[in-house]
Amino acid sequence: YALRSRMEAVLEFLGDGPGDALDAGMGAGRVVSALVGSGWAVSGVDASEEMVVSARRQLQGRAVRLEQAKIERLPFLDESFDAVIATGVLEYADLDDALRELTRVLRTGGLAVVSYPNPGNFYWAWRTHVWYRAVGAAKRVLRQRPLAFPPPSPKLGADAFRRLLQSTGLEPE
């Protein structure tokens, strides 16, 4: 549900290309694929080598640039993109550094579509305190290797997140 909702929001905000877009924290490349299908020239990065391999497999034969990189140190020149996307990743990053990097690679007048969990939201609390714990317990019982996530960033309310976006030069809408 969360992945679908974020992808639908990204596509709604960005609309059809052309333009250069970056999906920072692309995971398996679902948003990258959808943006390519909408006429964007897309680059994607993820800190996980496994995710980059998975995205390359999914996007085989499509003209995209996919690299392993942390969102806090993007391997792109200043003002490289008309749009940057960071959904489902900022909560696992050094938030200040990640937002500065996204702003650095975004062209003047470009659009950034970012998400950050609201700790007061029921879905976030349920997912964090019930679902993830249940999945972790099931994996331990089944002796499966758990997914390794970096420690989450501090919880921020909507107003604090909005102020942080503004401090990096982004204008929240």
Protein backbone atom coordinates (compact mmCIF):
# COMPACT_ATOMS: atom_id res chain seq x y z
CA TYR A 1 0.00 0.00 0.00
CA ALA A 2 2.70 2.50 0.99
CA LEU A 3 4.78 1.79 -2.13
CA ARG A 4 1.77 2.15 -4.43
CA SER A 5 0.62 5.34 -2.72
CA ARG A 6 4.04 6.97 -2.94
CA MET A 7 4.45 5.97 -6.59
CA GLU A 8 1.02 7.37 -7.49
CA ALA A 9 1.89 10.63 -5.71
CA VAL A 10 5.21 10.92 -7.55
CA LEU A 11 3.56 10.35 -10.93
CA GLU A 12 0.79 12.83 -10.12
CA PHE A 13 3.22 15.55 -8.99
CA LEU A 14 5.67 15.10 -11.86
CA GLY A 15 3.34 14.28 -14.73
CA ASP A 16 4.79 13.26 -18.06
CA GLY A 17 8.32 14.07 -19.22
CA PRO A 18 10.44 15.06 -20.93
CA GLY A 19 13.03 15.96 -18.37
CA ASP A 20 15.82 14.47 -16.30
CA ALA A 21 14.76 12.82 -13.05
CA LEU A 22 16.60 11.16 -10.19
CA ASP A 23 15.07 8.53 -7.91
CA ALA A 24 17.30 8.54 -4.83
CA GLY A 25 16.67 5.38 -2.81
CA MET A 26 15.07 3.66 -5.81
CA GLY A 27 14.84 0.19 -4.28
CA ALA A 28 13.93 -2.32 -6.98
CA GLY A 29 13.20 0.44 -9.49
CA ARG A 30 9.40 0.58 -9.63
CA VAL A 31 9.24 4.38 -9.69
CA VAL A 32 12.15 4.51 -12.16
CA SER A 33 10.24 2.18 -14.50
CA ALA A 34 7.03 4.21 -14.22
CA LEU A 35 8.86 7.49 -14.92
CA VAL A 36 10.64 6.03 -17.95
CA GLY A 37 7.21 4.97 -19.19
CA SER A 38 6.03 8.57 -18.74
CA GLY A 39 8.78 10.01 -20.92
CA TRP A 40 11.40 10.95 -18.32
CA ALA A 41 15.15 10.30 -18.67
CA VAL A 42 15.74 8.67 -15.29
CA SER A 43 18.73 7.95 -13.10
CA GLY A 44 18.43 5.95 -9.92
CA VAL A 45 20.62 5.31 -6.90
CA ASP A 46 20.31 3.04 -3.91
CA ALA A 47 22.71 2.33 -1.05
CA SER A 48 22.02 -1.41 -1.38
CA GLU A 49 23.91 -3.32 -4.06
CA GLU A 50 21.12 -5.94 -4.01
CA MET A 51 18.53 -3.29 -4.87
CA VAL A 52 20.64 -1.92 -7.73
CA VAL A 53 21.03 -5.44 -9.15
CA SER A 54 17.27 -6.01 -8.82
CA ALA A 55 16.48 -2.68 -10.52
CA ARG A 56 18.88 -3.46 -13.37
CA ARG A 57 17.16 -6.81 -13.85
CA GLN A 58 13.70 -5.20 -13.86
CA LEU A 59 14.73 -2.36 -16.21
CA GLN A 60 16.83 -4.46 -18.56
CA GLY A 61 17.12 -2.86 -21.98
CA ARG A 62 15.70 0.50 -20.89
CA ALA A 63 17.91 3.57 -21.10
CA VAL A 64 18.47 4.44 -17.45
CA ARG A 65 21.52 5.09 -15.28
CA LEU A 66 21.49 3.04 -12.08
CA GLU A 67 24.23 3.23 -9.47
CA GLN A 68 24.98 2.16 -5.94
CA ALA A 69 25.35 5.33 -3.90
CA LYS A 70 24.17 6.83 -0.65
CA ILE A 71 21.68 9.64 -0.81
CA GLU A 72 24.04 11.73 1.32
CA ARG A 73 26.75 11.58 -1.41
CA LEU A 74 25.12 11.57 -4.84
CA PRO A 75 27.47 10.91 -7.79
CA PHE A 76 26.06 13.70 -9.98
CA LEU A 77 27.06 17.23 -10.89
CA ASP A 78 25.28 20.24 -9.43
CA GLU A 79 21.93 21.03 -11.05
CA SER A 80 21.75 17.78 -13.04
CA PHE A 81 18.01 17.08 -12.69
CA ASP A 82 14.65 18.70 -13.38
CA ALA A 83 13.11 16.49 -10.70
CA VAL A 84 14.41 14.53 -7.72
CA ILE A 85 12.45 11.88 -5.86
CA ALA A 86 13.17 10.51 -2.39
CA THR A 87 10.29 8.46 -1.02
CA GLY A 88 10.69 5.86 1.67
CA VAL A 89 14.38 6.61 2.11
CA LEU A 90 14.86 9.83 4.08
CA GLU A 91 13.89 8.13 7.34
CA TYR A 92 17.01 5.95 6.97
CA ALA A 93 19.40 8.73 5.98
CA ASP A 94 21.26 11.57 7.60
CA LEU A 95 18.38 13.92 6.88
CA ASP A 96 20.34 17.19 6.70
CA ASP A 97 22.98 15.77 4.35
CA ALA A 98 20.42 13.96 2.19
CA LEU A 99 18.27 17.05 1.69
CA ARG A 100 21.34 19.18 0.92
CA GLU A 101 22.41 16.65 -1.73
CA LEU A 102 18.96 16.50 -3.30
CA THR A 103 18.88 20.30 -3.44
CA ARG A 104 22.41 20.41 -4.90
CA VAL A 105 21.59 18.15 -7.86
CA LEU A 106 18.18 19.77 -8.50
CA ARG A 107 18.11 22.43 -11.23
CA THR A 108 16.82 25.88 -10.35
CA GLY A 109 13.05 25.76 -10.68
CA GLY A 110 13.04 21.95 -10.48
CA LEU A 111 10.66 19.84 -8.45
CA ALA A 112 11.55 17.65 -5.47
CA VAL A 113 9.07 14.99 -4.40
CA VAL A 114 10.02 13.66 -0.97
CA SER A 115 8.30 11.78 1.81
CA TYR A 116 8.99 11.41 5.50
CA PRO A 117 6.90 9.36 7.94
CA ASN A 118 4.63 11.21 10.29
CA PRO A 119 5.17 9.63 13.72
CA GLY A 120 1.65 10.67 14.73
CA ASN A 121 0.07 8.73 11.88
CA PHE A 122 -1.77 5.50 12.77
CA TYR A 123 -0.43 3.59 9.75
CA TRP A 124 3.18 4.50 10.62
CA ALA A 125 2.71 3.37 14.23
CA TRP A 126 1.02 0.11 13.17
CA ARG A 127 3.67 -0.65 10.55
CA THR A 128 6.58 0.13 12.88
CA HIS A 129 5.33 -1.42 16.12
CA VAL A 130 3.23 -4.33 14.83
CA TRP A 131 3.89 -5.33 11.21
CA TYR A 132 7.71 -5.04 11.13
CA ARG A 133 8.02 -6.80 14.47
CA ALA A 134 5.73 -9.63 13.33
CA VAL A 135 7.65 -10.05 10.07
CA GLY A 136 10.95 -10.06 11.98
CA ALA A 137 9.65 -12.73 14.39
CA ALA A 138 8.39 -14.88 11.50
CA LYS A 139 11.76 -14.64 9.76
CA ARG A 140 13.54 -15.70 12.95
CA VAL A 141 11.22 -18.70 13.31
CA LEU A 142 11.75 -19.62 9.64
CA ARG A 143 15.50 -18.93 10.00
CA GLN A 144 15.51 -16.45 7.17
CA ARG A 145 18.00 -13.64 7.03
CA PRO A 146 16.31 -10.39 8.07
CA LEU A 147 16.61 -7.34 5.86
CA ALA A 148 19.28 -4.96 7.08
CA PHE A 149 18.09 -1.38 7.40
CA PRO A 150 20.19 1.46 8.72
CA PRO A 151 18.95 2.94 11.98
CA PRO A 152 16.04 5.31 11.42
CA SER A 153 16.43 9.08 11.64
CA PRO A 154 14.91 10.90 14.58
CA LYS A 155 11.14 11.27 14.53
CA LEU A 156 10.06 14.63 13.14
CA GLY A 157 6.61 16.11 13.08
CA ALA A 158 5.25 17.76 9.95
CA ASP A 159 6.16 21.30 11.05
CA ALA A 160 9.76 20.38 11.90
CA PHE A 161 10.14 18.56 8.58
CA ARG A 162 8.70 21.54 6.71
CA ARG A 163 11.22 23.86 8.44
CA LEU A 164 14.06 21.49 7.55
CA LEU A 165 13.00 21.48 3.89
CA GLN A 166 12.93 25.28 3.89
CA SER A 167 16.39 25.47 5.48
CA THR A 168 17.81 23.58 2.48
CA GLY A 169 16.15 25.90 -0.03
CA LEU A 170 13.15 23.72 -0.86
CA GLU A 171 9.68 25.26 -0.77
CA PRO A 172 7.11 22.81 0.64
CA GLU A 173 3.74 22.70 -1.11
